[in-house]
Amino acid sequence: MTSPTPVEVRVLHAVRVLGYADTERIAHRADVSPDAALQPLGEAWRRGWVLPSSFAGDEGWSLTESGKAHDEDLMATELDETGARGVVESAYRDFLPLNEVVTGALTAWQLTEMGIGSHRATLTDTIATLETAATALAEIERLLTSRLARFSGYHHSFRTALTHARATPAWIVGTDRDSCHRVWFELHEDLIATLGLTR
């Protein structure tokens, strides 16, 4: 049975997963409106769990050390109360070998773009590898969302980025968009943060 995660927990965890992001991105990850994200962000700031900052016109939120510890406690409680720990651990085991394939393909593409190394990854081969990963990701997400609805959306975002990448390769590893690399990185962070692990 799928269990909903409270909005305030989803918002704080979104900050953890994203690392640093504006309210709109946090709201998108938490699956709430930007207005709905403001109240829990403000409360988290009051409690010292998040900090707002700005640089060169870019404004966003990041987690404090106490916020990270609180998020870890929330995740552990969620897993225990929903009985989802075994499911998430199983999904993570399935994710790990796939992660090696995906990060290998993404790194090879980055090196090719930078003109480093003798091997040149082709767009066709890179997309083919990521297509295989996308198919496997659909099953991993199905397993995760069978217990925790907040894991939904990663497969759709990854598949969308992959579709765009056929015409615009920046969607493979671009940092200014929800590229394959960014979506995959966020899923990895979500899994390890949920399980209380480190990379």
C-alpha atoms as a PDB file:
ATOM      1  CA  MET A   1       0.000   0.000   0.000  1.00  0.00           C
ATOM      2  CA  THR A   2       1.355   3.408  -0.986  1.00  0.00           C
ATOM      3  CA  SER A   3       1.854   5.812   1.914  1.00  0.00           C
ATOM      4  CA  PRO A   4       1.682   9.606   1.521  1.00  0.00           C
ATOM      5  CA  THR A   5       4.487  11.699   2.986  1.00  0.00           C
ATOM      6  CA  PRO A   6       3.479  14.910   4.821  1.00  0.00           C
ATOM      7  CA  VAL A   7       4.113  18.126   2.888  1.00  0.00           C
ATOM      8  CA  GLU A   8       6.559  19.548   5.434  1.00  0.00           C
ATOM      9  CA  VAL A   9       8.616  16.350   5.272  1.00  0.00           C
ATOM     10  CA  ARG A  10       8.607  16.321   1.469  1.00  0.00           C
ATOM     11  CA  VAL A  11       9.712  19.954   1.319  1.00  0.00           C
ATOM     12  CA  LEU A  12      12.597  19.531   3.768  1.00  0.00           C
ATOM     13  CA  HIS A  13      13.694  16.327   2.053  1.00  0.00           C
ATOM     14  CA  ALA A  14      13.569  18.054  -1.331  1.00  0.00           C
ATOM     15  CA  VAL A  15      16.119  20.577  -0.062  1.00  0.00           C
ATOM     16  CA  ARG A  16      18.325  17.655   1.012  1.00  0.00           C
ATOM     17  CA  VAL A  17      18.021  15.938  -2.360  1.00  0.00           C
ATOM     18  CA  LEU A  18      18.607  19.084  -4.418  1.00  0.00           C
ATOM     19  CA  GLY A  19      21.436  20.425  -2.275  1.00  0.00           C
ATOM     20  CA  TYR A  20      20.713  24.046  -3.143  1.00  0.00           C
ATOM     21  CA  ALA A  21      17.642  25.222  -5.019  1.00  0.00           C
ATOM     22  CA  ASP A  22      15.107  27.992  -5.286  1.00  0.00           C
ATOM     23  CA  THR A  23      11.584  27.670  -3.943  1.00  0.00           C
ATOM     24  CA  GLU A  24      10.134  26.707  -7.320  1.00  0.00           C
ATOM     25  CA  ARG A  25      12.493  23.750  -7.811  1.00  0.00           C
ATOM     26  CA  ILE A  26      11.968  22.609  -4.240  1.00  0.00           C
ATOM     27  CA  ALA A  27       8.206  22.786  -4.716  1.00  0.00           C
ATOM     28  CA  HIS A  28       8.451  20.815  -7.955  1.00  0.00           C
ATOM     29  CA  ARG A  29      10.506  18.064  -6.294  1.00  0.00           C
ATOM     30  CA  ALA A  30       8.104  17.983  -3.330  1.00  0.00           C
ATOM     31  CA  ASP A  31       5.104  17.924  -5.699  1.00  0.00           C
ATOM     32  CA  VAL A  32       3.461  21.010  -4.203  1.00  0.00           C
ATOM     33  CA  SER A  33       2.854  24.559  -5.428  1.00  0.00           C
ATOM     34  CA  PRO A  34       5.538  27.179  -4.710  1.00  0.00           C
ATOM     35  CA  ASP A  35       3.093  28.929  -2.363  1.00  0.00           C
ATOM     36  CA  ALA A  36       2.516  25.678  -0.469  1.00  0.00           C
ATOM     37  CA  ALA A  37       6.275  25.207  -0.066  1.00  0.00           C
ATOM     38  CA  LEU A  38       6.866  28.636   1.480  1.00  0.00           C
ATOM     39  CA  GLN A  39       5.247  27.913   4.853  1.00  0.00           C
ATOM     40  CA  PRO A  40       7.254  24.752   5.635  1.00  0.00           C
ATOM     41  CA  LEU A  41      10.422  26.417   4.325  1.00  0.00           C
ATOM     42  CA  GLY A  42       9.810  29.385   6.623  1.00  0.00           C
ATOM     43  CA  GLU A  43       9.194  27.087   9.571  1.00  0.00           C
ATOM     44  CA  ALA A  44      12.328  25.079   8.769  1.00  0.00           C
ATOM     45  CA  TRP A  45      14.306  28.332   8.626  1.00  0.00           C
ATOM     46  CA  ARG A  46      12.905  29.382  12.009  1.00  0.00           C
ATOM     47  CA  ARG A  47      14.014  26.059  13.479  1.00  0.00           C
ATOM     48  CA  GLY A  48      17.478  26.331  11.954  1.00  0.00           C
ATOM     49  CA  TRP A  49      17.084  23.445   9.497  1.00  0.00           C
ATOM     50  CA  VAL A  50      17.501  25.460   6.287  1.00  0.00           C
ATOM     51  CA  LEU A  51      19.196  28.688   5.290  1.00  0.00           C
ATOM     52  CA  PRO A  52      18.276  31.081   2.473  1.00  0.00           C
ATOM     53  CA  SER A  53      21.131  32.589   0.511  1.00  0.00           C
ATOM     54  CA  SER A  54      21.723  34.562  -2.648  1.00  0.00           C
ATOM     55  CA  PHE A  55      24.620  35.035  -5.017  1.00  0.00           C
ATOM     56  CA  ALA A  56      24.792  37.086  -8.202  1.00  0.00           C
ATOM     57  CA  GLY A  57      21.021  37.370  -8.306  1.00  0.00           C
ATOM     58  CA  ASP A  58      20.480  33.647  -7.690  1.00  0.00           C
ATOM     59  CA  GLU A  59      18.415  32.910  -4.563  1.00  0.00           C
ATOM     60  CA  GLY A  60      17.851  29.554  -2.955  1.00  0.00           C
ATOM     61  CA  TRP A  61      17.717  27.335   0.102  1.00  0.00           C
ATOM     62  CA  SER A  62      20.176  24.820   1.528  1.00  0.00           C
ATOM     63  CA  LEU A  63      20.135  22.422   4.465  1.00  0.00           C
ATOM     64  CA  THR A  64      22.068  23.081   7.669  1.00  0.00           C
ATOM     65  CA  GLU A  65      23.798  20.275   9.575  1.00  0.00           C
ATOM     66  CA  SER A  66      20.939  20.173  12.062  1.00  0.00           C
ATOM     67  CA  GLY A  67      18.515  20.116   9.139  1.00  0.00           C
ATOM     68  CA  LYS A  68      20.333  17.168   7.632  1.00  0.00           C
ATOM     69  CA  ALA A  69      20.200  15.304  10.941  1.00  0.00           C
ATOM     70  CA  HIS A  70      16.492  16.087  11.294  1.00  0.00           C
ATOM     71  CA  ASP A  71      15.799  14.889   7.752  1.00  0.00           C
ATOM     72  CA  GLU A  72      17.623  11.630   8.500  1.00  0.00           C
ATOM     73  CA  ASP A  73      15.435  11.150  11.579  1.00  0.00           C
ATOM     74  CA  LEU A  74      12.306  11.859   9.536  1.00  0.00           C
ATOM     75  CA  MET A  75      13.334   9.369   6.865  1.00  0.00           C
ATOM     76  CA  ALA A  76      14.083   6.645   9.417  1.00  0.00           C
ATOM     77  CA  THR A  77      10.717   7.236  11.071  1.00  0.00           C
ATOM     78  CA  GLU A  78       8.928   7.133   7.721  1.00  0.00           C
ATOM     79  CA  LEU A  79      10.540   3.820   6.785  1.00  0.00           C
ATOM     80  CA  ASP A  80       9.664   2.295  10.148  1.00  0.00           C
ATOM     81  CA  GLU A  81       6.080   3.574  10.257  1.00  0.00           C
ATOM     82  CA  THR A  82       5.264   2.583   6.678  1.00  0.00           C
ATOM     83  CA  GLY A  83       7.200  -0.678   6.705  1.00  0.00           C
ATOM     84  CA  ALA A  84       8.903   0.458   3.503  1.00  0.00           C
ATOM     85  CA  ARG A  85      12.515  -0.099   4.523  1.00  0.00           C
ATOM     86  CA  GLY A  86      12.800  -3.512   2.859  1.00  0.00           C
ATOM     87  CA  VAL A  87      11.304  -2.203  -0.377  1.00  0.00           C
ATOM     88  CA  VAL A  88      13.651   0.793  -0.531  1.00  0.00           C
ATOM     89  CA  GLU A  89      16.662  -1.390   0.287  1.00  0.00           C
ATOM     90  CA  SER A  90      15.678  -3.794  -2.499  1.00  0.00           C
ATOM     91  CA  ALA A  91      15.248  -0.931  -4.962  1.00  0.00           C
ATOM     92  CA  TYR A  92      18.638   0.455  -3.954  1.00  0.00           C
ATOM     93  CA  ARG A  93      20.291  -2.919  -4.578  1.00  0.00           C
ATOM     94  CA  ASP A  94      18.736  -2.938  -8.054  1.00  0.00           C
ATOM     95  CA  PHE A  95      19.869   0.648  -8.577  1.00  0.00           C
ATOM     96  CA  LEU A  96      23.562   0.153  -7.753  1.00  0.00           C
ATOM     97  CA  PRO A  97      24.676  -1.900 -10.796  1.00  0.00           C
ATOM     98  CA  LEU A  98      22.552   0.325 -13.029  1.00  0.00           C
ATOM     99  CA  ASN A  99      24.219   3.356 -11.471  1.00  0.00           C
ATOM    100  CA  GLU A 100      27.637   2.108 -12.587  1.00  0.00           C
ATOM    101  CA  VAL A 101      26.417   1.818 -16.170  1.00  0.00           C
ATOM    102  CA  VAL A 102      24.742   5.233 -16.206  1.00  0.00           C
ATOM    103  CA  THR A 103      27.564   7.140 -14.503  1.00  0.00           C
ATOM    104  CA  GLY A 104      30.032   5.449 -16.844  1.00  0.00           C
ATOM    105  CA  ALA A 105      28.058   6.589 -19.885  1.00  0.00           C
ATOM    106  CA  LEU A 106      27.611  10.116 -18.522  1.00  0.00           C
ATOM    107  CA  THR A 107      31.299  10.449 -17.644  1.00  0.00           C
ATOM    108  CA  ALA A 108      32.347   9.185 -21.073  1.00  0.00           C
ATOM    109  CA  TRP A 109      30.058  11.754 -22.697  1.00  0.00           C
ATOM    110  CA  GLN A 110      31.421  14.568 -20.515  1.00  0.00           C
ATOM    111  CA  LEU A 111      35.008  13.642 -21.381  1.00  0.00           C
ATOM    112  CA  THR A 112      34.138  13.520 -25.069  1.00  0.00           C
ATOM    113  CA  GLU A 113      32.565  16.986 -24.874  1.00  0.00           C
ATOM    114  CA  MET A 114      35.709  18.256 -23.157  1.00  0.00           C
ATOM    115  CA  GLY A 115      37.988  16.577 -25.706  1.00  0.00           C
ATOM    116  CA  ILE A 116      39.739  14.527 -23.020  1.00  0.00           C
ATOM    117  CA  GLY A 117      40.999  10.988 -23.619  1.00  0.00           C
ATOM    118  CA  SER A 118      41.331   8.851 -26.707  1.00  0.00           C
ATOM    119  CA  HIS A 119      37.864   7.286 -26.517  1.00  0.00           C
ATOM    120  CA  ARG A 120      35.060   9.281 -28.107  1.00  0.00           C
ATOM    121  CA  ALA A 121      31.550   8.458 -26.952  1.00  0.00           C
ATOM    122  CA  THR A 122      28.959   8.854 -29.683  1.00  0.00           C
ATOM    123  CA  LEU A 123      25.542  10.378 -29.157  1.00  0.00           C
ATOM    124  CA  THR A 124      23.912   7.232 -30.547  1.00  0.00           C
ATOM    125  CA  ASP A 125      25.725   4.891 -28.163  1.00  0.00           C
ATOM    126  CA  THR A 126      25.208   7.159 -25.169  1.00  0.00           C
ATOM    127  CA  ILE A 127      21.481   7.454 -25.770  1.00  0.00           C
ATOM    128  CA  ALA A 128      21.189   3.703 -26.336  1.00  0.00           C
ATOM    129  CA  THR A 129      22.824   3.033 -22.964  1.00  0.00           C
ATOM    130  CA  LEU A 130      20.602   5.559 -21.219  1.00  0.00           C
ATOM    131  CA  GLU A 131      17.508   4.143 -22.949  1.00  0.00           C
ATOM    132  CA  THR A 132      18.256   0.746 -21.420  1.00  0.00           C
ATOM    133  CA  ALA A 133      18.688   2.415 -18.047  1.00  0.00           C
ATOM    134  CA  ALA A 134      15.395   4.273 -18.432  1.00  0.00           C
ATOM    135  CA  THR A 135      13.563   0.995 -18.964  1.00  0.00           C
ATOM    136  CA  ALA A 136      15.106  -0.461 -15.814  1.00  0.00           C
ATOM    137  CA  LEU A 137      14.398   2.749 -13.909  1.00  0.00           C
ATOM    138  CA  ALA A 138      10.688   2.384 -14.622  1.00  0.00           C
ATOM    139  CA  GLU A 139      10.656  -0.889 -12.691  1.00  0.00           C
ATOM    140  CA  ILE A 140      12.707   0.545  -9.821  1.00  0.00           C
ATOM    141  CA  GLU A 141      10.303   3.476  -9.520  1.00  0.00           C
ATOM    142  CA  ARG A 142       7.326   1.121  -9.643  1.00  0.00           C
ATOM    143  CA  LEU A 143       8.809  -0.795  -6.710  1.00  0.00           C
ATOM    144  CA  LEU A 144       9.532   2.366  -4.719  1.00  0.00           C
ATOM    145  CA  THR A 145       6.147   3.978  -5.300  1.00  0.00           C
ATOM    146  CA  SER A 146       4.363   0.796  -4.293  1.00  0.00           C
ATOM    147  CA  ARG A 147       5.148   1.975  -0.748  1.00  0.00           C
ATOM    148  CA  LEU A 148       6.259   5.615  -0.942  1.00  0.00           C
ATOM    149  CA  ALA A 149       4.465   7.888  -3.401  1.00  0.00           C
ATOM    150  CA  ARG A 150       7.096  10.637  -3.063  1.00  0.00           C
ATOM    151  CA  PHE A 151       9.494   8.666  -5.296  1.00  0.00           C
ATOM    152  CA  SER A 152       7.271   9.203  -8.329  1.00  0.00           C
ATOM    153  CA  GLY A 153       8.455  11.342 -11.231  1.00  0.00           C
ATOM    154  CA  TYR A 154      12.080  10.319 -11.615  1.00  0.00           C
ATOM    155  CA  HIS A 155      11.428   7.994 -14.537  1.00  0.00           C
ATOM    156  CA  HIS A 156       9.285  10.574 -16.334  1.00  0.00           C
ATOM    157  CA  SER A 157      11.930  13.287 -15.863  1.00  0.00           C
ATOM    158  CA  PHE A 158      14.746  11.006 -17.000  1.00  0.00           C
ATOM    159  CA  ARG A 159      12.793   9.852 -20.041  1.00  0.00           C
ATOM    160  CA  THR A 160      11.863  13.447 -20.914  1.00  0.00           C
ATOM    161  CA  ALA A 161      15.510  14.541 -20.738  1.00  0.00           C
ATOM    162  CA  LEU A 162      16.504  11.605 -22.907  1.00  0.00           C
ATOM    163  CA  THR A 163      13.916  12.536 -25.521  1.00  0.00           C
ATOM    164  CA  HIS A 164      15.221  16.112 -25.634  1.00  0.00           C
ATOM    165  CA  ALA A 165      18.825  14.865 -25.827  1.00  0.00           C
ATOM    166  CA  ARG A 166      18.274  13.325 -29.253  1.00  0.00           C
ATOM    167  CA  ALA A 167      18.039  16.812 -30.739  1.00  0.00           C
ATOM    168  CA  THR A 168      19.854  18.792 -28.036  1.00  0.00           C
ATOM    169  CA  PRO A 169      22.728  16.848 -26.427  1.00  0.00           C
ATOM    170  CA  ALA A 170      22.954  19.386 -23.579  1.00  0.00           C
ATOM    171  CA  TRP A 171      20.103  17.412 -22.029  1.00  0.00           C
ATOM    172  CA  ILE A 172      22.528  14.573 -21.264  1.00  0.00           C
ATOM    173  CA  VAL A 173      24.722  16.274 -18.654  1.00  0.00           C
ATOM    174  CA  GLY A 174      23.631  19.931 -18.601  1.00  0.00           C
ATOM    175  CA  THR A 175      23.520  21.541 -15.159  1.00  0.00           C
ATOM    176  CA  ASP A 176      21.102  24.294 -16.171  1.00  0.00           C
ATOM    177  CA  ARG A 177      18.168  21.941 -16.765  1.00  0.00           C
ATOM    178  CA  ASP A 178      16.663  18.654 -15.589  1.00  0.00           C
ATOM    179  CA  SER A 179      19.157  16.683 -17.658  1.00  0.00           C
ATOM    180  CA  CYS A 180      19.690  12.934 -17.464  1.00  0.00           C
ATOM    181  CA  HIS A 181      22.678  13.563 -15.206  1.00  0.00           C
ATOM    182  CA  ARG A 182      20.818  15.846 -12.815  1.00  0.00           C
ATOM    183  CA  VAL A 183      17.769  13.598 -12.529  1.00  0.00           C
ATOM    184  CA  TRP A 184      19.938  10.544 -11.949  1.00  0.00           C
ATOM    185  CA  PHE A 185      22.060  12.343  -9.341  1.00  0.00           C
ATOM    186  CA  GLU A 186      18.934  13.457  -7.472  1.00  0.00           C
ATOM    187  CA  LEU A 187      17.476   9.941  -7.451  1.00  0.00           C
ATOM    188  CA  HIS A 188      20.756   8.585  -6.077  1.00  0.00           C
ATOM    189  CA  GLU A 189      20.785  11.263  -3.383  1.00  0.00           C
ATOM    190  CA  ASP A 190      17.143  10.529  -2.543  1.00  0.00           C
ATOM    191  CA  LEU A 191      17.847   6.829  -2.095  1.00  0.00           C
ATOM    192  CA  ILE A 192      20.907   7.214   0.110  1.00  0.00           C
ATOM    193  CA  ALA A 193      19.320  10.018   2.145  1.00  0.00           C
ATOM    194  CA  THR A 194      16.208   7.911   2.692  1.00  0.00           C
ATOM    195  CA  LEU A 195      18.296   4.957   3.874  1.00  0.00           C
ATOM    196  CA  GLY A 196      20.707   7.073   5.918  1.00  0.00           C
ATOM    197  CA  LEU A 197      23.699   6.091   3.791  1.00  0.00           C
ATOM    198  CA  THR A 198      26.593   8.046   2.276  1.00  0.00           C
ATOM    199  CA  ARG A 199      27.979   7.913  -1.236  1.00  0.00           C
END
